[in-house]
Amino acid sequence: MTQRPVTSDSPVPSRQTYRERLPEGRLAGLASCVWVQQVSPHGPAYEHRTVPNGCIEVACVKGSDGVSVNGPRREPVVERLPPGSTVVGVRFRPGVPAAVFGATSQELVDLDINLDQAWGRSALTTAERIALTATPEDAARVLEQELVARCAVAPDPDELVAETVDRLQPWRRRRVGEIASDLFISPRQLRRRCLAAFGFGPKTLQRILRFQGFLALTQALHGPEVGLGWLAAAAGYFDQAHLTRECVALTGLTPAAFLEETRTSCGANHDHRASFARLRRALVITRAASLEEVKASLEAALSSSSNMSDSYENRTRACA
């Protein structure tokens, strides 16, 4: 996910919106969402915090002279959008070949580059077409169409990498060594394939995906009745302390501070359903199944204890 919240010490909240939709056509299998971010011209600039999501994103500020590609991140980045900004983007799924963007994943990690370095004049033409569109939705569609054409001639995603991403999802609860064994390769081979596909190893991607799961849950499950401990367990963390360490590493803030920043800045103005709906549903189902297993185990233990007690009393009466 790409969070875009105002920091807690911002004096005046910026009026802005962020909306996602599912991609269309061939891009549906390669991208998780198409998004539009708008900042009102009648207000302050908008300071936003981008947290790692394991993805490559392509974005264009409407009216600018270029298109940028944002590589997979390992740390948070805080940026500022001026009043009146409209930004459109496409977020690709983890593991989509970086060759689409004229680079390798390792060359893109933690970097933002102008696509005219790889695409030449066509990147500038795309930015010009986006600038001439009547609505933000039309601007997003122009970028999407350009990427569909690029992906049509790009190499297909590595099937083993796609399977690795699926097995690293937080509801799977699998160790990296177990995943390598499942895929019939060594942990070293798995790491090499991940470095080529993502720019970092499988453990780093697993940490990022687990935190995305936490964010997906917080988008729908919030309030005093849902504590951080429950959210941590549902997202696959060992405990709340584990979540706190990871949140500080990936956002720069504690969970409480990060969620308060997000609540103050985003709220109903941000719609992440395209990115989070499937992830949230899988985590909730897994958590419910785990609770049912715990409940069944407790009931079985209580029943066994009760049967042992009855048996003891029967034997005692028989001896008497």
C-alpha atoms as a PDB file:
ATOM      1  CA  MET A   1       0.000   0.000   0.000  1.00  0.00           C
ATOM      2  CA  THR A   2       1.061   3.599  -0.500  1.00  0.00           C
ATOM      3  CA  GLN A   3      -0.090   5.627   2.470  1.00  0.00           C
ATOM      4  CA  ARG A   4      -0.225   9.387   1.995  1.00  0.00           C
ATOM      5  CA  PRO A   5      -0.912  10.886   5.415  1.00  0.00           C
ATOM      6  CA  VAL A   6      -0.228  14.319   6.934  1.00  0.00           C
ATOM      7  CA  THR A   7       2.215  14.316   9.825  1.00  0.00           C
ATOM      8  CA  SER A   8       0.721  14.883  13.254  1.00  0.00           C
ATOM      9  CA  ASP A   9       2.382  18.305  13.657  1.00  0.00           C
ATOM     10  CA  SER A  10       0.952  19.755  10.432  1.00  0.00           C
ATOM     11  CA  PRO A  11      -0.879  22.969  11.450  1.00  0.00           C
ATOM     12  CA  VAL A  12      -3.656  22.786   8.854  1.00  0.00           C
ATOM     13  CA  PRO A  13      -4.983  19.522   7.374  1.00  0.00           C
ATOM     14  CA  SER A  14      -4.791  19.475   3.591  1.00  0.00           C
ATOM     15  CA  ARG A  15      -7.950  18.805   1.617  1.00  0.00           C
ATOM     16  CA  GLN A  16      -7.110  15.899  -0.648  1.00  0.00           C
ATOM     17  CA  THR A  17      -8.414  12.568  -1.921  1.00  0.00           C
ATOM     18  CA  TYR A  18      -6.900   9.260  -2.953  1.00  0.00           C
ATOM     19  CA  ARG A  19      -8.884   6.717  -4.986  1.00  0.00           C
ATOM     20  CA  GLU A  20      -8.004   3.312  -6.413  1.00  0.00           C
ATOM     21  CA  ARG A  21      -9.672   1.083  -8.959  1.00  0.00           C
ATOM     22  CA  LEU A  22      -8.826  -2.298 -10.410  1.00  0.00           C
ATOM     23  CA  PRO A  23      -6.858  -2.244 -13.687  1.00  0.00           C
ATOM     24  CA  GLU A  24      -8.487  -3.299 -16.920  1.00  0.00           C
ATOM     25  CA  GLY A  25      -7.621  -5.774 -19.670  1.00  0.00           C
ATOM     26  CA  ARG A  26      -4.197  -7.392 -19.793  1.00  0.00           C
ATOM     27  CA  LEU A  27      -2.917  -5.133 -17.035  1.00  0.00           C
ATOM     28  CA  ALA A  28      -5.276  -6.821 -14.544  1.00  0.00           C
ATOM     29  CA  GLY A  29      -2.899  -9.756 -14.169  1.00  0.00           C
ATOM     30  CA  LEU A  30       0.155  -7.540 -13.701  1.00  0.00           C
ATOM     31  CA  ALA A  31      -1.027  -4.542 -11.664  1.00  0.00           C
ATOM     32  CA  SER A  32      -2.892  -4.365  -8.371  1.00  0.00           C
ATOM     33  CA  CYS A  33      -4.518  -0.968  -8.930  1.00  0.00           C
ATOM     34  CA  VAL A  34      -4.755   2.279 -10.864  1.00  0.00           C
ATOM     35  CA  TRP A  35      -4.872   5.296  -8.556  1.00  0.00           C
ATOM     36  CA  VAL A  36      -5.591   9.022  -8.556  1.00  0.00           C
ATOM     37  CA  GLN A  37      -4.390  11.478  -5.890  1.00  0.00           C
ATOM     38  CA  GLN A  38      -5.747  15.052  -5.822  1.00  0.00           C
ATOM     39  CA  VAL A  39      -4.858  17.985  -3.579  1.00  0.00           C
ATOM     40  CA  SER A  40      -7.293  20.898  -3.383  1.00  0.00           C
ATOM     41  CA  PRO A  41      -6.000  24.197  -4.816  1.00  0.00           C
ATOM     42  CA  HIS A  42      -7.741  25.976  -1.919  1.00  0.00           C
ATOM     43  CA  GLY A  43      -5.579  24.761   0.918  1.00  0.00           C
ATOM     44  CA  PRO A  44      -2.073  23.935   2.062  1.00  0.00           C
ATOM     45  CA  ALA A  45       0.369  21.495   0.527  1.00  0.00           C
ATOM     46  CA  TYR A  46      -0.087  17.841   1.409  1.00  0.00           C
ATOM     47  CA  GLU A  47       2.731  16.005   3.147  1.00  0.00           C
ATOM     48  CA  HIS A  48       2.484  12.269   2.590  1.00  0.00           C
ATOM     49  CA  ARG A  49       4.334   9.253   3.912  1.00  0.00           C
ATOM     50  CA  THR A  50       4.971   6.436   1.446  1.00  0.00           C
ATOM     51  CA  VAL A  51       5.653   3.098   3.130  1.00  0.00           C
ATOM     52  CA  PRO A  52       7.176  -0.008   1.498  1.00  0.00           C
ATOM     53  CA  ASN A  53       4.736  -2.253  -0.367  1.00  0.00           C
ATOM     54  CA  GLY A  54       7.080  -4.444  -2.433  1.00  0.00           C
ATOM     55  CA  CYS A  55       5.821  -2.945  -5.691  1.00  0.00           C
ATOM     56  CA  ILE A  56       7.045  -0.899  -8.623  1.00  0.00           C
ATOM     57  CA  GLU A  57       4.810   2.085  -9.379  1.00  0.00           C
ATOM     58  CA  VAL A  58       4.565   4.346 -12.403  1.00  0.00           C
ATOM     59  CA  ALA A  59       3.240   7.845 -11.731  1.00  0.00           C
ATOM     60  CA  CYS A  60       2.735  11.165 -13.478  1.00  0.00           C
ATOM     61  CA  VAL A  61       1.910  14.570 -12.036  1.00  0.00           C
ATOM     62  CA  LYS A  62      -0.715  16.035 -14.379  1.00  0.00           C
ATOM     63  CA  GLY A  63       0.826  19.011 -16.151  1.00  0.00           C
ATOM     64  CA  SER A  64       4.414  17.895 -15.626  1.00  0.00           C
ATOM     65  CA  ASP A  65       6.835  17.093 -18.433  1.00  0.00           C
ATOM     66  CA  GLY A  66       7.590  13.484 -17.524  1.00  0.00           C
ATOM     67  CA  VAL A  67       6.550  10.116 -16.155  1.00  0.00           C
ATOM     68  CA  SER A  68       8.424   8.525 -13.263  1.00  0.00           C
ATOM     69  CA  VAL A  69       8.930   4.967 -12.097  1.00  0.00           C
ATOM     70  CA  ASN A  70       9.217   4.420  -8.355  1.00  0.00           C
ATOM     71  CA  GLY A  71      11.192   1.329  -7.434  1.00  0.00           C
ATOM     72  CA  PRO A  72      10.385  -1.037  -4.562  1.00  0.00           C
ATOM     73  CA  ARG A  73      11.163   0.626  -1.247  1.00  0.00           C
ATOM     74  CA  ARG A  74      12.657  -0.743   1.947  1.00  0.00           C
ATOM     75  CA  GLU A  75      12.185   2.396   4.047  1.00  0.00           C
ATOM     76  CA  PRO A  76       9.539   5.139   4.347  1.00  0.00           C
ATOM     77  CA  VAL A  77       9.738   8.334   2.299  1.00  0.00           C
ATOM     78  CA  VAL A  78       8.000  11.599   3.204  1.00  0.00           C
ATOM     79  CA  GLU A  79       7.196  13.955   0.320  1.00  0.00           C
ATOM     80  CA  ARG A  80       5.080  17.062  -0.234  1.00  0.00           C
ATOM     81  CA  LEU A  81       2.459  17.675  -2.933  1.00  0.00           C
ATOM     82  CA  PRO A  82       1.683  21.348  -3.668  1.00  0.00           C
ATOM     83  CA  PRO A  83      -1.899  22.693  -3.699  1.00  0.00           C
ATOM     84  CA  GLY A  84      -3.781  21.856  -6.891  1.00  0.00           C
ATOM     85  CA  SER A  85      -1.747  18.732  -7.638  1.00  0.00           C
ATOM     86  CA  THR A  86      -3.244  15.782  -9.487  1.00  0.00           C
ATOM     87  CA  VAL A  87      -1.138  12.630  -9.637  1.00  0.00           C
ATOM     88  CA  VAL A  88      -2.117   9.441 -11.457  1.00  0.00           C
ATOM     89  CA  GLY A  89      -0.372   6.114 -11.091  1.00  0.00           C
ATOM     90  CA  VAL A  90      -0.351   2.373 -11.634  1.00  0.00           C
ATOM     91  CA  ARG A  91       0.910   0.004  -8.949  1.00  0.00           C
ATOM     92  CA  PHE A  92       2.310  -3.254 -10.279  1.00  0.00           C
ATOM     93  CA  ARG A  93       2.228  -6.510  -8.377  1.00  0.00           C
ATOM     94  CA  PRO A  94       5.460  -7.652  -6.718  1.00  0.00           C
ATOM     95  CA  GLY A  95       7.662  -9.521  -9.164  1.00  0.00           C
ATOM     96  CA  VAL A  96       6.504  -7.883 -12.401  1.00  0.00           C
ATOM     97  CA  PRO A  97       9.604  -7.751 -14.646  1.00  0.00           C
ATOM     98  CA  ALA A  98      11.477  -4.490 -14.257  1.00  0.00           C
ATOM     99  CA  ALA A  99      12.466  -4.851 -17.913  1.00  0.00           C
ATOM    100  CA  VAL A 100       9.147  -3.143 -18.685  1.00  0.00           C
ATOM    101  CA  PHE A 101      10.812  -0.002 -17.335  1.00  0.00           C
ATOM    102  CA  GLY A 102      14.178  -0.496 -18.981  1.00  0.00           C
ATOM    103  CA  ALA A 103      16.021  -1.519 -15.805  1.00  0.00           C
ATOM    104  CA  THR A 104      16.575  -4.342 -13.350  1.00  0.00           C
ATOM    105  CA  SER A 105      14.827  -4.553  -9.984  1.00  0.00           C
ATOM    106  CA  GLN A 106      18.123  -4.103  -8.156  1.00  0.00           C
ATOM    107  CA  GLU A 107      18.720  -0.879 -10.106  1.00  0.00           C
ATOM    108  CA  LEU A 108      15.291   0.453  -9.100  1.00  0.00           C
ATOM    109  CA  VAL A 109      15.269  -0.357  -5.368  1.00  0.00           C
ATOM    110  CA  ASP A 110      14.664   2.787  -3.257  1.00  0.00           C
ATOM    111  CA  LEU A 111      14.919   5.023  -6.349  1.00  0.00           C
ATOM    112  CA  ASP A 112      12.632   7.225  -8.446  1.00  0.00           C
ATOM    113  CA  ILE A 113      13.731   7.709 -12.050  1.00  0.00           C
ATOM    114  CA  ASN A 114      12.307   9.521 -15.057  1.00  0.00           C
ATOM    115  CA  LEU A 115      11.052   7.080 -17.658  1.00  0.00           C
ATOM    116  CA  ASP A 116      12.351   9.192 -20.517  1.00  0.00           C
ATOM    117  CA  GLN A 117      15.742   7.660 -19.669  1.00  0.00           C
ATOM    118  CA  ALA A 118      14.334   4.268 -20.698  1.00  0.00           C
ATOM    119  CA  TRP A 119      11.420   5.070 -23.001  1.00  0.00           C
ATOM    120  CA  GLY A 120      12.810   8.151 -24.683  1.00  0.00           C
ATOM    121  CA  ARG A 121      10.392  10.488 -26.437  1.00  0.00           C
ATOM    122  CA  SER A 122       7.358   8.264 -25.808  1.00  0.00           C
ATOM    123  CA  ALA A 123       7.521   8.991 -22.057  1.00  0.00           C
ATOM    124  CA  LEU A 124       7.372  12.731 -22.773  1.00  0.00           C
ATOM    125  CA  THR A 125       4.506  12.175 -25.209  1.00  0.00           C
ATOM    126  CA  THR A 126       2.595  10.230 -22.557  1.00  0.00           C
ATOM    127  CA  ALA A 127       3.033  13.091 -20.066  1.00  0.00           C
ATOM    128  CA  GLU A 128       1.788  15.565 -22.700  1.00  0.00           C
ATOM    129  CA  ARG A 129      -1.305  13.447 -23.403  1.00  0.00           C
ATOM    130  CA  ILE A 130      -2.010  13.192 -19.664  1.00  0.00           C
ATOM    131  CA  ALA A 131      -1.725  16.990 -19.323  1.00  0.00           C
ATOM    132  CA  LEU A 132      -4.379  17.487 -22.036  1.00  0.00           C
ATOM    133  CA  THR A 133      -7.015  15.193 -20.469  1.00  0.00           C
ATOM    134  CA  ALA A 134     -10.239  16.686 -19.153  1.00  0.00           C
ATOM    135  CA  THR A 135     -10.511  14.651 -15.931  1.00  0.00           C
ATOM    136  CA  PRO A 136      -8.198  12.796 -13.537  1.00  0.00           C
ATOM    137  CA  GLU A 137      -9.907   9.549 -14.547  1.00  0.00           C
ATOM    138  CA  ASP A 138      -9.061  10.207 -18.203  1.00  0.00           C
ATOM    139  CA  ALA A 139      -5.467  10.962 -17.203  1.00  0.00           C
ATOM    140  CA  ALA A 140      -5.195   7.648 -15.357  1.00  0.00           C
ATOM    141  CA  ARG A 141      -6.630   5.831 -18.369  1.00  0.00           C
ATOM    142  CA  VAL A 142      -3.985   7.332 -20.693  1.00  0.00           C
ATOM    143  CA  LEU A 143      -1.210   6.093 -18.404  1.00  0.00           C
ATOM    144  CA  GLU A 144      -2.869   2.695 -18.121  1.00  0.00           C
ATOM    145  CA  GLN A 145      -3.144   2.331 -21.906  1.00  0.00           C
ATOM    146  CA  GLU A 146       0.519   3.183 -22.398  1.00  0.00           C
ATOM    147  CA  LEU A 147       1.525   0.558 -19.852  1.00  0.00           C
ATOM    148  CA  VAL A 148      -0.735  -2.059 -21.463  1.00  0.00           C
ATOM    149  CA  ALA A 149       1.133  -1.513 -24.743  1.00  0.00           C
ATOM    150  CA  ARG A 150       4.506  -1.747 -22.990  1.00  0.00           C
ATOM    151  CA  CYS A 151       3.604  -4.909 -21.092  1.00  0.00           C
ATOM    152  CA  ALA A 152       2.360  -6.595 -24.274  1.00  0.00           C
ATOM    153  CA  VAL A 153       5.950  -6.858 -25.552  1.00  0.00           C
ATOM    154  CA  ALA A 154       7.632  -7.381 -22.155  1.00  0.00           C
ATOM    155  CA  PRO A 155       8.788 -10.762 -20.813  1.00  0.00           C
ATOM    156  CA  ASP A 156       6.237 -12.711 -18.811  1.00  0.00           C
ATOM    157  CA  PRO A 157       6.604 -12.752 -15.014  1.00  0.00           C
ATOM    158  CA  ASP A 158       8.664 -15.605 -13.584  1.00  0.00           C
ATOM    159  CA  GLU A 159       6.147 -18.281 -12.501  1.00  0.00           C
ATOM    160  CA  LEU A 160       8.344 -19.378  -9.614  1.00  0.00           C
ATOM    161  CA  VAL A 161       8.553 -15.774  -8.411  1.00  0.00           C
ATOM    162  CA  ALA A 162       4.759 -15.425  -8.615  1.00  0.00           C
ATOM    163  CA  GLU A 163       4.362 -18.601  -6.567  1.00  0.00           C
ATOM    164  CA  THR A 164       6.915 -17.290  -4.059  1.00  0.00           C
ATOM    165  CA  VAL A 165       4.918 -14.075  -3.610  1.00  0.00           C
ATOM    166  CA  ASP A 166       1.753 -16.080  -3.017  1.00  0.00           C
ATOM    167  CA  ARG A 167       3.453 -18.278  -0.418  1.00  0.00           C
ATOM    168  CA  LEU A 168       4.971 -15.240   1.347  1.00  0.00           C
ATOM    169  CA  GLN A 169       1.559 -13.653   1.897  1.00  0.00           C
ATOM    170  CA  PRO A 170       0.839 -13.104   5.612  1.00  0.00           C
ATOM    171  CA  TRP A 171      -2.079 -15.513   5.794  1.00  0.00           C
ATOM    172  CA  ARG A 172       0.183 -18.385   4.678  1.00  0.00           C
ATOM    173  CA  ARG A 173       2.325 -18.242   7.846  1.00  0.00           C
ATOM    174  CA  ARG A 174       5.210 -20.086   6.158  1.00  0.00           C
ATOM    175  CA  ARG A 175       8.924 -19.807   6.882  1.00  0.00           C
ATOM    176  CA  VAL A 176      11.257 -18.916   4.019  1.00  0.00           C
ATOM    177  CA  GLY A 177      13.107 -22.227   4.345  1.00  0.00           C
ATOM    178  CA  GLU A 178       9.809 -24.119   4.106  1.00  0.00           C
ATOM    179  CA  ILE A 179       8.851 -22.161   0.996  1.00  0.00           C
ATOM    180  CA  ALA A 180      12.156 -23.021  -0.700  1.00  0.00           C
ATOM    181  CA  SER A 181      11.535 -26.691   0.105  1.00  0.00           C
ATOM    182  CA  ASP A 182       7.970 -26.483  -1.231  1.00  0.00           C
ATOM    183  CA  LEU A 183       9.332 -25.070  -4.500  1.00  0.00           C
ATOM    184  CA  PHE A 184      12.076 -27.732  -4.751  1.00  0.00           C
ATOM    185  CA  ILE A 185      14.926 -25.214  -4.727  1.00  0.00           C
ATOM    186  CA  SER A 186      17.546 -24.320  -2.136  1.00  0.00           C
ATOM    187  CA  PRO A 187      17.203 -21.241   0.098  1.00  0.00           C
ATOM    188  CA  ARG A 188      20.195 -19.745  -1.726  1.00  0.00           C
ATOM    189  CA  GLN A 189      18.517 -20.238  -5.107  1.00  0.00           C
ATOM    190  CA  LEU A 190      15.319 -18.693  -3.764  1.00  0.00           C
ATOM    191  CA  ARG A 191      17.229 -15.668  -2.553  1.00  0.00           C
ATOM    192  CA  ARG A 192      18.917 -15.221  -5.952  1.00  0.00           C
ATOM    193  CA  ARG A 193      15.566 -15.379  -7.755  1.00  0.00           C
ATOM    194  CA  CYS A 194      14.061 -12.862  -5.332  1.00  0.00           C
ATOM    195  CA  LEU A 195      16.976 -10.449  -5.670  1.00  0.00           C
ATOM    196  CA  ALA A 196      16.511 -10.520  -9.445  1.00  0.00           C
ATOM    197  CA  ALA A 197      12.733 -10.060  -9.217  1.00  0.00           C
ATOM    198  CA  PHE A 198      12.327  -7.634  -6.292  1.00  0.00           C
ATOM    199  CA  GLY A 199      15.757  -6.185  -5.604  1.00  0.00           C
ATOM    200  CA  PHE A 200      15.830  -7.736  -2.120  1.00  0.00           C
ATOM    201  CA  GLY A 201      15.566 -11.136  -0.487  1.00  0.00           C
ATOM    202  CA  PRO A 202      12.459 -13.157   0.433  1.00  0.00           C
ATOM    203  CA  LYS A 203      12.615 -12.296   4.149  1.00  0.00           C
ATOM    204  CA  THR A 204      12.478  -8.579   3.392  1.00  0.00           C
ATOM    205  CA  LEU A 205       9.514  -9.083   1.063  1.00  0.00           C
ATOM    206  CA  GLN A 206       7.776 -11.201   3.700  1.00  0.00           C
ATOM    207  CA  ARG A 207       8.177  -8.402   6.276  1.00  0.00           C
ATOM    208  CA  ILE A 208       6.757  -5.867   3.823  1.00  0.00           C
ATOM    209  CA  LEU A 209       3.793  -8.055   2.848  1.00  0.00           C
ATOM    210  CA  ARG A 210       2.998  -8.794   6.493  1.00  0.00           C
ATOM    211  CA  PHE A 211       2.893  -5.073   7.254  1.00  0.00           C
ATOM    212  CA  GLN A 212       0.644  -4.540   4.243  1.00  0.00           C
ATOM    213  CA  GLY A 213      -1.661  -7.108   5.840  1.00  0.00           C
ATOM    214  CA  PHE A 214      -1.688  -5.079   9.043  1.00  0.00           C
ATOM    215  CA  LEU A 215      -2.582  -1.944   7.059  1.00  0.00           C
ATOM    216  CA  ALA A 216      -5.345  -3.776   5.196  1.00  0.00           C
ATOM    217  CA  LEU A 217      -6.906  -4.804   8.507  1.00  0.00           C
ATOM    218  CA  THR A 218      -6.684  -1.298   9.974  1.00  0.00           C
ATOM    219  CA  GLN A 219      -8.564   0.127   6.975  1.00  0.00           C
ATOM    220  CA  ALA A 220     -11.729  -1.722   7.999  1.00  0.00           C
ATOM    221  CA  LEU A 221     -11.194  -2.798  11.611  1.00  0.00           C
ATOM    222  CA  HIS A 222     -10.636   0.124  13.916  1.00  0.00           C
ATOM    223  CA  GLY A 223     -11.963   1.542  17.134  1.00  0.00           C
ATOM    224  CA  PRO A 224     -11.384   0.829  20.819  1.00  0.00           C
ATOM    225  CA  GLU A 225     -12.841  -2.686  20.550  1.00  0.00           C
ATOM    226  CA  VAL A 226     -10.060  -3.731  18.135  1.00  0.00           C
ATOM    227  CA  GLY A 227      -6.707  -3.463  19.886  1.00  0.00           C
ATOM    228  CA  LEU A 228      -3.212  -3.523  18.457  1.00  0.00           C
ATOM    229  CA  GLY A 229      -2.636  -6.942  19.995  1.00  0.00           C
ATOM    230  CA  TRP A 230      -5.503  -8.459  18.017  1.00  0.00           C
ATOM    231  CA  LEU A 231      -4.412  -6.725  14.818  1.00  0.00           C
ATOM    232  CA  ALA A 232      -0.828  -7.895  15.317  1.00  0.00           C
ATOM    233  CA  ALA A 233      -1.935 -11.509  15.763  1.00  0.00           C
ATOM    234  CA  ALA A 234      -4.323 -11.371  12.804  1.00  0.00           C
ATOM    235  CA  ALA A 235      -1.597  -9.955  10.530  1.00  0.00           C
ATOM    236  CA  GLY A 236       0.833 -12.721  11.470  1.00  0.00           C
ATOM    237  CA  TYR A 237       3.120 -11.042  14.022  1.00  0.00           C
ATOM    238  CA  PHE A 238       4.434 -12.978  17.011  1.00  0.00           C
ATOM    239  CA  ASP A 239       3.122 -10.330  19.396  1.00  0.00           C
ATOM    240  CA  GLN A 240       2.472  -6.599  19.688  1.00  0.00           C
ATOM    241  CA  ALA A 241       6.151  -5.870  20.380  1.00  0.00           C
ATOM    242  CA  HIS A 242       7.047  -7.554  17.078  1.00  0.00           C
ATOM    243  CA  LEU A 243       4.535  -5.321  15.266  1.00  0.00           C
ATOM    244  CA  THR A 244       5.957  -2.220  16.963  1.00  0.00           C
ATOM    245  CA  ARG A 245       9.516  -3.000  15.844  1.00  0.00           C
ATOM    246  CA  GLU A 246       8.434  -3.617  12.264  1.00  0.00           C
ATOM    247  CA  CYS A 247       6.195  -0.544  12.145  1.00  0.00           C
ATOM    248  CA  VAL A 248       9.020   1.719  13.313  1.00  0.00           C
ATOM    249  CA  ALA A 249      11.355   0.187  10.721  1.00  0.00           C
ATOM    250  CA  LEU A 250       8.884   0.484   7.822  1.00  0.00           C
ATOM    251  CA  THR A 251       7.112   3.777   8.656  1.00  0.00           C
ATOM    252  CA  GLY A 252       9.406   5.638  11.046  1.00  0.00           C
ATOM    253  CA  LEU A 253       6.605   5.784  13.633  1.00  0.00           C
ATOM    254  CA  THR A 254       5.155   3.592  16.356  1.00  0.00           C
ATOM    255  CA  PRO A 255       1.875   1.825  15.434  1.00  0.00           C
ATOM    256  CA  ALA A 256      -0.207   4.191  17.568  1.00  0.00           C
ATOM    257  CA  ALA A 257       1.427   7.290  16.078  1.00  0.00           C
ATOM    258  CA  PHE A 258       1.212   5.961  12.534  1.00  0.00           C
ATOM    259  CA  LEU A 259      -2.469   5.017  12.832  1.00  0.00           C
ATOM    260  CA  GLU A 260      -3.299   8.386  14.382  1.00  0.00           C
ATOM    261  CA  GLU A 261      -1.491  10.162  11.536  1.00  0.00           C
ATOM    262  CA  THR A 262      -3.374   8.057   8.996  1.00  0.00           C
ATOM    263  CA  ARG A 263      -6.739   8.585  10.717  1.00  0.00           C
ATOM    264  CA  THR A 264      -6.242  12.362  10.879  1.00  0.00           C
ATOM    265  CA  SER A 265      -5.015  12.699   7.315  1.00  0.00           C
ATOM    266  CA  CYS A 266      -6.828  10.022   5.349  1.00  0.00           C
ATOM    267  CA  GLY A 267     -10.091   8.770   6.799  1.00  0.00           C
ATOM    268  CA  ALA A 268     -12.946   8.646   4.312  1.00  0.00           C
ATOM    269  CA  ASN A 269     -10.865  10.622   1.779  1.00  0.00           C
ATOM    270  CA  HIS A 270      -8.749   7.572   0.955  1.00  0.00           C
ATOM    271  CA  ASP A 271     -10.075   4.465  -0.760  1.00  0.00           C
ATOM    272  CA  HIS A 272      -7.658   1.496  -0.798  1.00  0.00           C
ATOM    273  CA  ARG A 273     -10.194  -1.223  -1.528  1.00  0.00           C
ATOM    274  CA  ALA A 274      -8.615  -2.296  -4.815  1.00  0.00           C
ATOM    275  CA  SER A 275      -5.312  -3.025  -3.033  1.00  0.00           C
ATOM    276  CA  PHE A 276      -6.619  -4.323   0.270  1.00  0.00           C
ATOM    277  CA  ALA A 277      -9.934  -6.130  -0.197  1.00  0.00           C
ATOM    278  CA  ARG A 278      -8.523  -9.575  -1.067  1.00  0.00           C
ATOM    279  CA  LEU A 279      -5.712  -9.333   1.485  1.00  0.00           C
ATOM    280  CA  ARG A 280      -8.050  -8.270   4.286  1.00  0.00           C
ATOM    281  CA  ARG A 281     -10.569 -11.001   3.484  1.00  0.00           C
ATOM    282  CA  ALA A 282      -7.887 -13.719   3.509  1.00  0.00           C
ATOM    283  CA  LEU A 283      -6.478 -12.529   6.842  1.00  0.00           C
ATOM    284  CA  VAL A 284      -9.876 -12.301   8.523  1.00  0.00           C
ATOM    285  CA  ILE A 285     -10.819 -15.794   7.317  1.00  0.00           C
ATOM    286  CA  THR A 286      -7.467 -17.183   8.520  1.00  0.00           C
ATOM    287  CA  ARG A 287      -7.822 -15.468  11.898  1.00  0.00           C
ATOM    288  CA  ALA A 288     -11.369 -16.773  12.321  1.00  0.00           C
ATOM    289  CA  ALA A 289     -10.226 -20.294  11.435  1.00  0.00           C
ATOM    290  CA  SER A 290      -7.376 -20.024  13.969  1.00  0.00           C
ATOM    291  CA  LEU A 291      -9.775 -18.905  16.686  1.00  0.00           C
ATOM    292  CA  GLU A 292     -12.095 -21.808  15.862  1.00  0.00           C
ATOM    293  CA  GLU A 293      -9.147 -24.194  16.162  1.00  0.00           C
ATOM    294  CA  VAL A 294      -8.209 -22.705  19.537  1.00  0.00           C
ATOM    295  CA  LYS A 295     -11.825 -22.931  20.680  1.00  0.00           C
ATOM    296  CA  ALA A 296     -12.062 -26.564  19.537  1.00  0.00           C
ATOM    297  CA  SER A 297      -8.771 -27.391  21.294  1.00  0.00           C
ATOM    298  CA  LEU A 298      -9.953 -25.795  24.529  1.00  0.00           C
ATOM    299  CA  GLU A 299     -13.281 -27.606  24.357  1.00  0.00           C
ATOM    300  CA  ALA A 300     -11.474 -30.898  23.715  1.00  0.00           C
ATOM    301  CA  ALA A 301      -9.122 -30.268  26.631  1.00  0.00           C
ATOM    302  CA  LEU A 302     -11.995 -29.405  28.951  1.00  0.00           C
ATOM    303  CA  SER A 303     -13.923 -32.461  27.815  1.00  0.00           C
ATOM    304  CA  SER A 304     -10.879 -34.678  28.360  1.00  0.00           C
ATOM    305  CA  SER A 305     -10.340 -33.164  31.784  1.00  0.00           C
ATOM    306  CA  SER A 306     -13.981 -33.738  32.670  1.00  0.00           C
ATOM    307  CA  ASN A 307     -13.829 -37.369  31.490  1.00  0.00           C
ATOM    308  CA  MET A 308     -10.667 -37.992  33.509  1.00  0.00           C
ATOM    309  CA  SER A 309     -12.343 -36.508  36.593  1.00  0.00           C
ATOM    310  CA  ASP A 310     -15.420 -38.688  36.119  1.00  0.00           C
ATOM    311  CA  SER A 311     -13.237 -41.759  35.639  1.00  0.00           C
ATOM    312  CA  TYR A 312     -11.279 -40.989  38.810  1.00  0.00           C
ATOM    313  CA  GLU A 313     -14.469 -40.563  40.844  1.00  0.00           C
ATOM    314  CA  ASN A 314     -15.855 -43.827  39.489  1.00  0.00           C
ATOM    315  CA  ARG A 315     -12.678 -45.693  40.396  1.00  0.00           C
ATOM    316  CA  THR A 316     -12.690 -44.159  43.867  1.00  0.00           C
ATOM    317  CA  ARG A 317     -16.296 -45.234  44.488  1.00  0.00           C
ATOM    318  CA  ALA A 318     -15.515 -48.744  43.207  1.00  0.00           C
ATOM    319  CA  CYS A 319     -12.590 -49.102  45.596  1.00  0.00           C
ATOM    320  CA  ALA A 320     -14.695 -47.905  48.492  1.00  0.00           C
END
